[in-house]
Amino acid sequence: MYKIFKPSRIYLILLLIASTLGCTPINRNTRGITQNQIEVPTSQTTPNNRNLNFIAQVVEQVGPAVVRIDSTRTVELSPSQERILERYFGGEVPTQGRVRRGVGSGFIISPDGQIFTNAHVVANANQVSVLLTDGRRLQGKVLGVDRVTDVAVVKINATDLPVVRFANSDNLIPGEPAIAIGNPLGLDNTVTQGIISATERSISGFGAPTERLEFIQTDAAINPGNSGGPLLNSQGEVVGINTAIIQGAQGIGFSIPINTARRIGEQLITKGRVQHPYIGVQMAELTPELRDKINRSDINLQINQDKGVIILGVARNSPAARVGLRPGDVIESINNVAVENVRQIQQQVENAGVGNTLPMSILRNGSRQTINVRAEALPQREPS
């Protein structure tokens, strides 16, 4: 889970205690609150004659499939850090000085113990344990971690476990009820409720390293320890994985859409890793202001149009560099699809997949050209 906070400079920090995470900006297009009328289920009488509202029904149904995840990570100390600790502890460095502990959440997706959570909850962990609602604590094995999308899969050895059901997160409408279950600040099985505040939300402007994602925004209360827990609809179906908040704000939390998480999770389960296609360009959407700024600069570029997507930078040794793409090129279409914003280009690259060639129509100094660029796997960053 990330915290995003202001005011002086915007930073992103993990909501998981003492954990860290590790590409180019994407568009901030969002679908905000509409005036659609959303019907909320009324209370029903359960078989044991208890009248439960829809939130209590969801919790009773899904709660057993939500787990607590505890992780420990050994931190390598530098020689100077070792000497400082030895000075204070009489020559014997305490174990806790080298170990970072974290707590997060997750939810069971298969009866044999596959669990979805956040990458930052378990990345680089030496030990992962999973606490079930029935009191059992089981050792967890990390099947795979994807830092780009902050999705991870953990496996425990168990059978006949309760599992969640998935919704189609593409169908979410702002204003729908949203329920979060998790372990904020170590308070196990905490339930909060709110609404879907927005969909297709980009938080790259806040410094998030997951700029390839478009998040679900919710005002259901999310706190440190909620990382990896489910965001649910009124039918008790998972719509997202809770991952980030803006510190200092009230009711601004973010979840990874479950459709994205399932796509990533399937690759982690079958391959142990995820390959994200990339071409290696930094882009921005042209505006009259950006055009004028570029034309007045000393970089010897003259841009005539004020719409489209301009390449600001090309990564060294990237697919884009190898085919001759340059800063100042304006992308008109990619893979034969006309584009107007960065998000559309990113979608086309993601849809193409690693190893496939995308024809790209560009304007360079007023001349239109077609360049074929082959998407490659996004280079893996060193774990932090």
Protein backbone atom coordinates (compact mmCIF):
# COMPACT_ATOMS: atom_id res chain seq x y z
CA MET A 1 0.00 0.00 0.00
CA TYR A 2 1.27 3.39 -0.84
CA LYS A 3 0.76 6.66 0.97
CA ILE A 4 0.74 9.68 -1.32
CA PHE A 5 1.22 12.95 0.42
CA LYS A 6 1.65 16.70 -0.02
CA PRO A 7 2.15 19.74 0.35
CA SER A 8 5.79 20.72 -0.36
CA ARG A 9 6.80 17.99 -2.77
CA ILE A 10 4.71 14.99 -3.64
CA TYR A 11 6.12 11.65 -2.70
CA LEU A 12 4.90 8.09 -2.70
CA ILE A 13 5.63 5.78 0.24
CA LEU A 14 4.39 2.32 0.93
CA LEU A 15 1.62 1.88 3.42
CA LEU A 16 3.18 -1.44 4.32
CA ILE A 17 5.46 -0.58 7.22
CA ALA A 18 9.09 -0.21 6.08
CA SER A 19 8.58 -1.64 2.58
CA THR A 20 9.57 -0.09 -0.75
CA LEU A 21 8.67 -0.38 -4.41
CA GLY A 22 10.14 0.46 -7.49
CA CYS A 23 8.06 4.22 -15.95
CA THR A 24 6.73 7.30 -18.17
CA PRO A 25 3.61 9.39 -17.40
CA ILE A 26 0.19 8.34 -18.64
CA ASN A 27 -2.93 10.36 -19.23
CA ARG A 28 -5.14 11.46 -16.35
CA ASN A 29 -8.42 10.69 -18.16
CA THR A 30 -10.96 9.61 -15.59
CA ARG A 31 -14.58 8.79 -15.27
CA GLY A 32 -15.81 10.78 -12.30
CA ILE A 33 -19.03 10.80 -10.33
CA THR A 34 -22.11 10.76 -12.52
CA GLN A 35 -25.75 11.22 -11.66
CA ASN A 36 -26.63 7.62 -12.40
CA GLN A 37 -29.01 6.24 -9.83
CA ILE A 38 -27.48 3.20 -8.13
CA GLU A 39 -29.76 0.80 -6.30
CA VAL A 40 -28.37 -0.55 -3.03
CA PRO A 41 -29.59 -3.97 -1.88
CA THR A 42 -31.92 -3.87 1.08
CA SER A 43 -31.54 -6.05 4.15
CA GLN A 44 -32.57 -9.64 3.90
CA THR A 45 -33.49 -12.31 6.38
CA THR A 46 -30.82 -14.99 6.63
CA PRO A 47 -31.56 -18.66 7.37
CA ASN A 48 -30.90 -18.09 11.09
CA ASN A 49 -33.46 -15.26 11.06
CA ARG A 50 -30.96 -12.44 11.45
CA ASN A 51 -31.72 -9.27 9.54
CA LEU A 52 -28.47 -8.18 7.89
CA ASN A 53 -27.90 -5.20 5.67
CA PHE A 54 -25.98 -5.75 2.45
CA ILE A 55 -22.64 -4.79 4.03
CA ALA A 56 -22.97 -7.37 6.79
CA GLN A 57 -24.03 -9.96 4.24
CA VAL A 58 -20.93 -9.26 2.15
CA VAL A 59 -18.66 -9.47 5.19
CA GLU A 60 -20.21 -12.72 6.34
CA GLN A 61 -19.80 -14.17 2.86
CA VAL A 62 -16.31 -12.89 1.96
CA GLY A 63 -14.64 -12.32 5.31
CA PRO A 64 -13.38 -15.91 5.73
CA ALA A 65 -11.44 -15.60 2.44
CA VAL A 66 -9.55 -12.47 3.57
CA VAL A 67 -6.20 -13.13 5.24
CA ARG A 68 -3.49 -11.30 7.11
CA ILE A 69 0.03 -11.51 5.66
CA ASP A 70 3.07 -10.97 7.85
CA SER A 71 6.48 -10.65 6.24
CA THR A 72 10.04 -10.27 7.41
CA ARG A 73 12.93 -8.95 5.34
CA THR A 74 16.60 -9.03 6.25
CA VAL A 75 18.32 -5.72 5.60
CA GLU A 76 22.03 -5.75 4.78
CA LEU A 77 23.87 -3.23 6.93
CA SER A 78 26.88 -1.30 5.70
CA PRO A 79 30.15 -1.63 7.65
CA SER A 80 29.63 1.84 9.13
CA GLN A 81 26.11 0.90 10.26
CA GLU A 82 27.47 -2.31 11.80
CA ARG A 83 30.10 -0.35 13.75
CA ILE A 84 27.53 2.12 15.06
CA LEU A 85 25.27 -0.70 16.28
CA GLU A 86 28.20 -2.58 17.82
CA ARG A 87 29.18 0.56 19.71
CA TYR A 88 25.72 0.79 21.28
CA PHE A 89 25.15 -2.93 21.85
CA GLY A 90 28.49 -3.99 23.23
CA GLY A 91 29.87 -5.64 20.13
CA GLU A 92 26.77 -7.73 19.45
CA VAL A 93 24.41 -6.40 16.80
CA PRO A 94 20.79 -7.29 17.70
CA THR A 95 18.88 -9.35 15.15
CA GLN A 96 16.03 -6.83 15.05
CA GLY A 97 18.48 -4.25 13.77
CA ARG A 98 18.72 -6.22 10.54
CA VAL A 99 15.11 -7.32 10.12
CA ARG A 100 12.18 -5.30 8.84
CA ARG A 101 8.71 -6.54 9.56
CA GLY A 102 5.54 -5.69 7.69
CA VAL A 103 1.87 -6.52 7.80
CA GLY A 104 -0.57 -6.54 4.92
CA SER A 105 -3.68 -8.22 3.63
CA GLY A 106 -4.64 -10.67 0.91
CA PHE A 107 -7.53 -12.79 -0.29
CA ILE A 108 -7.83 -16.43 -1.27
CA ILE A 109 -8.58 -17.10 -4.94
CA SER A 110 -8.41 -20.91 -5.03
CA PRO A 111 -9.42 -23.66 -2.56
CA ASP A 112 -5.83 -24.98 -2.55
CA GLY A 113 -4.39 -21.74 -1.18
CA GLN A 114 -3.49 -19.28 -3.93
CA ILE A 115 -3.69 -15.73 -2.57
CA PHE A 116 -3.65 -12.33 -4.25
CA THR A 117 -1.86 -9.47 -2.49
CA ASN A 118 0.34 -6.47 -3.29
CA ALA A 119 3.90 -6.87 -4.53
CA HIS A 120 5.16 -4.42 -1.92
CA VAL A 121 3.72 -6.59 0.86
CA VAL A 122 5.93 -9.59 0.06
CA ALA A 123 8.70 -8.40 -2.30
CA ASN A 124 12.19 -9.40 -1.08
CA ALA A 125 10.69 -11.04 2.01
CA ASN A 126 12.73 -13.78 3.66
CA GLN A 127 9.67 -15.18 5.33
CA VAL A 128 5.95 -14.86 4.69
CA SER A 129 3.25 -16.19 7.00
CA VAL A 130 -0.49 -16.13 6.42
CA LEU A 131 -3.05 -15.89 9.22
CA LEU A 132 -6.48 -17.29 8.36
CA THR A 133 -9.68 -16.16 10.04
CA ASP A 134 -10.03 -19.58 11.67
CA GLY A 135 -6.82 -18.91 13.60
CA ARG A 136 -4.45 -21.06 11.58
CA ARG A 137 -1.08 -19.54 10.70
CA LEU A 138 0.56 -21.09 7.65
CA GLN A 139 3.85 -20.57 5.88
CA GLY A 140 3.47 -18.73 2.59
CA LYS A 141 5.47 -19.20 -0.60
CA VAL A 142 5.71 -16.26 -2.99
CA LEU A 143 4.85 -17.60 -6.47
CA GLY A 144 5.64 -14.32 -8.19
CA VAL A 145 5.87 -10.56 -7.80
CA ASP A 146 5.24 -7.86 -10.40
CA ARG A 147 6.50 -4.48 -9.23
CA VAL A 148 5.15 -2.68 -12.29
CA THR A 149 1.53 -3.34 -11.34
CA ASP A 150 2.15 -4.05 -7.63
CA VAL A 151 0.50 -7.48 -7.84
CA ALA A 152 1.82 -10.64 -6.17
CA VAL A 153 0.62 -14.21 -5.63
CA VAL A 154 1.32 -16.21 -2.48
CA LYS A 155 0.64 -19.94 -1.99
CA ILE A 156 -0.12 -21.78 1.24
CA ASN A 157 -0.47 -25.53 1.68
CA ALA A 158 -4.12 -26.07 2.53
CA THR A 159 -7.30 -27.47 1.00
CA ASP A 160 -11.00 -26.66 0.93
CA LEU A 161 -10.39 -23.00 1.67
CA PRO A 162 -13.08 -20.32 1.23
CA VAL A 163 -12.54 -18.25 -1.91
CA VAL A 164 -13.67 -14.90 -3.28
CA ARG A 165 -15.70 -14.27 -6.42
CA PHE A 166 -14.61 -11.78 -9.07
CA ALA A 167 -16.57 -8.98 -10.69
CA ASN A 168 -15.83 -7.41 -14.06
CA SER A 169 -14.03 -4.22 -13.02
CA ASP A 170 -14.52 -2.75 -16.50
CA ASN A 171 -18.21 -2.36 -15.66
CA LEU A 172 -17.73 -0.25 -12.53
CA ILE A 173 -19.72 2.98 -12.30
CA PRO A 174 -18.72 5.86 -9.98
CA GLY A 175 -21.21 6.07 -7.15
CA GLU A 176 -21.55 2.31 -6.64
CA PRO A 177 -21.11 1.01 -3.08
CA ALA A 178 -17.61 -0.19 -2.17
CA ILE A 179 -16.53 -2.30 0.79
CA ALA A 180 -12.95 -2.86 1.96
CA ILE A 181 -11.83 -5.68 4.23
CA GLY A 182 -8.29 -5.93 5.55
CA ASN A 183 -5.92 -5.57 8.47
CA PRO A 184 -5.20 -1.85 8.88
CA LEU A 185 -2.49 -1.18 11.47
CA GLY A 186 -2.68 -4.85 12.42
CA LEU A 187 -6.37 -4.69 13.35
CA ASP A 188 -7.46 -7.95 11.76
CA ASN A 189 -10.61 -8.23 9.65
CA THR A 190 -11.54 -4.56 9.72
CA VAL A 191 -14.45 -3.55 7.49
CA THR A 192 -14.98 -0.11 5.95
CA GLN A 193 -17.58 1.08 3.45
CA GLY A 194 -17.91 3.87 0.92
CA ILE A 195 -18.39 4.30 -2.80
CA ILE A 196 -16.48 4.02 -6.05
CA SER A 197 -15.35 7.64 -6.41
CA ALA A 198 -13.82 7.38 -9.91
CA THR A 199 -12.42 4.88 -12.38
CA GLU A 200 -9.56 5.01 -14.89
CA ARG A 201 -7.64 7.18 -12.46
CA SER A 202 -3.93 7.85 -13.08
CA ILE A 203 -1.75 8.61 -10.05
CA SER A 204 1.52 8.95 -11.96
CA GLY A 205 1.41 12.67 -11.20
CA PHE A 206 1.83 11.80 -7.52
CA GLY A 207 5.07 9.94 -8.17
CA ALA A 208 3.62 6.43 -8.28
CA PRO A 209 5.85 3.90 -10.05
CA THR A 210 2.77 2.13 -11.40
CA GLU A 211 2.05 4.60 -14.17
CA ARG A 212 0.94 1.83 -16.53
CA LEU A 213 -2.11 1.34 -14.33
CA GLU A 214 -5.43 3.10 -14.20
CA PHE A 215 -6.75 2.80 -10.68
CA ILE A 216 -10.14 2.62 -9.05
CA GLN A 217 -10.57 5.52 -6.63
CA THR A 218 -12.66 4.93 -3.52
CA ASP A 219 -13.55 6.75 -0.33
CA ALA A 220 -13.82 3.52 1.68
CA ALA A 221 -11.30 4.01 4.49
CA ILE A 222 -7.92 2.43 3.69
CA ASN A 223 -4.94 2.51 6.05
CA PRO A 224 -1.49 0.93 6.42
CA GLY A 225 -2.02 -2.83 6.52
CA ASN A 226 -4.96 -2.75 4.09
CA SER A 227 -2.44 -3.34 1.30
CA GLY A 228 -3.44 -6.36 -0.75
CA GLY A 229 -6.94 -6.62 0.67
CA PRO A 230 -10.06 -6.76 -1.50
CA LEU A 231 -12.32 -3.93 -2.57
CA LEU A 232 -15.79 -5.41 -2.99
CA ASN A 233 -19.07 -4.47 -4.63
CA SER A 234 -22.49 -4.81 -3.01
CA GLN A 235 -22.75 -8.42 -4.25
CA GLY A 236 -19.58 -9.41 -2.42
CA GLU A 237 -17.50 -9.69 -5.60
CA VAL A 238 -13.92 -8.43 -5.71
CA VAL A 239 -13.52 -5.37 -7.95
CA GLY A 240 -9.99 -4.38 -6.93
CA ILE A 241 -6.92 -4.82 -4.73
CA ASN A 242 -6.44 -1.97 -2.26
CA THR A 243 -3.00 -0.44 -2.70
CA ALA A 244 -2.62 3.31 -2.05
CA ILE A 245 -3.92 6.40 -0.27
CA ILE A 246 -3.14 10.11 -0.31
CA GLN A 247 -1.86 10.98 3.13
CA GLY A 248 -3.41 14.06 4.63
CA ALA A 249 -6.53 13.74 2.48
CA GLN A 250 -9.76 12.15 3.61
CA GLY A 251 -11.47 9.47 1.57
CA ILE A 252 -8.98 9.21 -1.30
CA GLY A 253 -7.82 5.63 -1.76
CA PHE A 254 -6.80 3.62 -4.79
CA SER A 255 -7.27 0.00 -5.87
CA ILE A 256 -5.84 -2.05 -8.72
CA PRO A 257 -8.73 -3.17 -10.97
CA ILE A 258 -9.29 -6.86 -10.52
CA ASN A 259 -9.31 -7.49 -14.29
CA THR A 260 -5.72 -6.24 -14.38
CA ALA A 261 -4.78 -8.21 -11.27
CA ARG A 262 -6.21 -11.43 -12.72
CA ARG A 263 -4.29 -11.00 -15.97
CA ILE A 264 -1.05 -10.37 -14.09
CA GLY A 265 -1.73 -13.04 -11.49
CA GLU A 266 -2.29 -15.72 -14.11
CA GLN A 267 1.18 -15.06 -15.53
CA LEU A 268 2.75 -15.07 -12.07
CA ILE A 269 1.13 -18.42 -11.28
CA THR A 270 2.11 -20.10 -14.55
CA LYS A 271 5.48 -18.43 -15.23
CA GLY A 272 6.56 -16.80 -11.97
CA ARG A 273 7.07 -13.47 -13.73
CA VAL A 274 5.39 -10.98 -16.04
CA GLN A 275 6.76 -9.50 -19.24
CA HIS A 276 5.51 -5.99 -19.94
CA PRO A 277 5.97 -4.75 -23.51
CA TYR A 278 7.69 -1.42 -23.96
CA ILE A 279 9.18 0.67 -26.76
CA GLY A 280 11.20 3.13 -24.67
CA VAL A 281 9.79 6.60 -25.24
CA GLN A 282 8.84 9.38 -22.86
CA MET A 283 5.77 11.19 -24.14
CA ALA A 284 3.48 14.12 -23.45
CA GLU A 285 0.25 15.39 -24.93
CA LEU A 286 0.71 18.49 -27.01
CA THR A 287 -0.98 21.70 -25.95
CA PRO A 288 -0.54 25.22 -27.32
CA GLU A 289 1.43 26.06 -24.18
CA LEU A 290 3.78 23.07 -24.56
CA ARG A 291 4.24 23.79 -28.28
CA ASP A 292 5.21 27.41 -27.56
CA LYS A 293 7.57 26.36 -24.81
CA ILE A 294 9.35 23.89 -27.12
CA ASN A 295 9.55 26.41 -29.97
CA ARG A 296 11.07 29.06 -27.68
CA SER A 297 13.65 26.64 -26.26
CA ASP A 298 17.21 26.14 -27.51
CA ILE A 299 16.73 22.51 -28.57
CA ASN A 300 16.31 23.42 -32.25
CA LEU A 301 12.80 21.97 -32.59
CA GLN A 302 9.85 23.67 -34.24
CA ILE A 303 6.41 22.17 -33.62
CA ASN A 304 3.52 23.46 -35.72
CA GLN A 305 0.60 21.46 -34.38
CA ASP A 306 -0.86 21.78 -30.91
CA LYS A 307 -2.57 18.39 -30.72
CA GLY A 308 -1.21 14.87 -30.62
CA VAL A 309 1.46 13.07 -28.62
CA ILE A 310 5.04 14.31 -28.77
CA ILE A 311 8.10 12.25 -27.94
CA LEU A 312 10.15 14.07 -25.29
CA GLY A 313 12.82 11.46 -24.78
CA VAL A 314 14.06 8.12 -26.11
CA ALA A 315 15.65 5.56 -23.80
CA ARG A 316 19.16 4.47 -24.70
CA ASN A 317 19.35 1.01 -26.34
CA SER A 318 15.55 0.81 -26.45
CA PRO A 319 13.40 -0.44 -29.36
CA ALA A 320 12.53 3.17 -30.18
CA ALA A 321 16.19 4.19 -30.29
CA ARG A 322 17.07 1.30 -32.59
CA VAL A 323 14.49 2.35 -35.22
CA GLY A 324 15.46 6.00 -35.09
CA LEU A 325 12.63 7.65 -33.19
CA ARG A 326 13.66 11.07 -31.90
CA PRO A 327 12.58 13.70 -29.41
CA GLY A 328 10.22 16.06 -31.23
CA ASP A 329 8.52 13.35 -33.28
CA VAL A 330 4.75 13.65 -33.03
CA ILE A 331 2.89 10.33 -32.99
CA GLU A 332 -0.30 10.34 -35.06
CA SER A 333 -1.14 6.65 -34.97
CA ILE A 334 0.24 3.37 -33.69
CA ASN A 335 -0.70 -0.10 -34.88
CA ASN A 336 -2.99 1.63 -37.41
CA VAL A 337 -5.02 3.25 -34.60
CA ALA A 338 -5.21 7.05 -34.48
CA VAL A 339 -4.12 8.38 -31.10
CA GLU A 340 -4.70 11.63 -29.26
CA ASN A 341 -3.23 10.90 -25.84
CA VAL A 342 -0.49 8.94 -24.09
CA ARG A 343 -2.94 6.46 -22.62
CA GLN A 344 -4.02 5.27 -26.08
CA ILE A 345 -0.43 4.62 -27.09
CA GLN A 346 0.26 2.72 -23.88
CA GLN A 347 -2.83 0.59 -24.46
CA GLN A 348 -1.74 -0.30 -27.99
CA VAL A 349 1.72 -1.31 -26.78
CA GLU A 350 0.24 -3.42 -23.98
CA ASN A 351 -2.23 -5.07 -26.36
CA ALA A 352 0.50 -5.87 -28.89
CA GLY A 353 2.57 -7.85 -26.42
CA VAL A 354 6.28 -8.59 -26.34
CA GLY A 355 7.91 -9.40 -29.69
CA ASN A 356 5.26 -7.90 -31.94
CA THR A 357 5.87 -5.06 -34.38
CA LEU A 358 3.78 -1.91 -34.30
CA PRO A 359 3.66 0.44 -37.31
CA MET A 360 3.85 4.02 -36.08
CA SER A 361 2.89 7.10 -38.12
CA ILE A 362 4.83 10.19 -37.02
CA LEU A 363 5.30 13.80 -38.05
CA ARG A 364 8.92 14.93 -38.12
CA ASN A 365 9.64 18.53 -39.11
CA GLY A 366 6.33 18.63 -40.95
CA SER A 367 7.02 15.42 -42.89
CA ARG A 368 4.92 12.32 -42.28
CA GLN A 369 6.79 9.02 -41.90
CA THR A 370 5.95 5.43 -40.97
CA ILE A 371 8.32 3.65 -38.61
CA ASN A 372 7.94 0.04 -37.48
CA VAL A 373 8.94 -0.54 -33.86
CA ARG A 374 9.12 -3.96 -32.21
CA ALA A 375 7.94 -4.10 -28.61
CA GLU A 376 10.37 -5.73 -26.19
CA ALA A 377 10.12 -6.79 -22.57
CA LEU A 378 10.41 -3.96 -20.10
CA PRO A 379 13.85 -4.26 -18.46
CA GLN A 380 13.71 -5.53 -14.92
CA ARG A 381 14.69 -3.03 -12.27
CA GLU A 382 16.98 -4.05 -9.48
CA PRO A 383 14.97 -4.84 -6.34
CA SER A 384 15.29 -2.26 -3.58
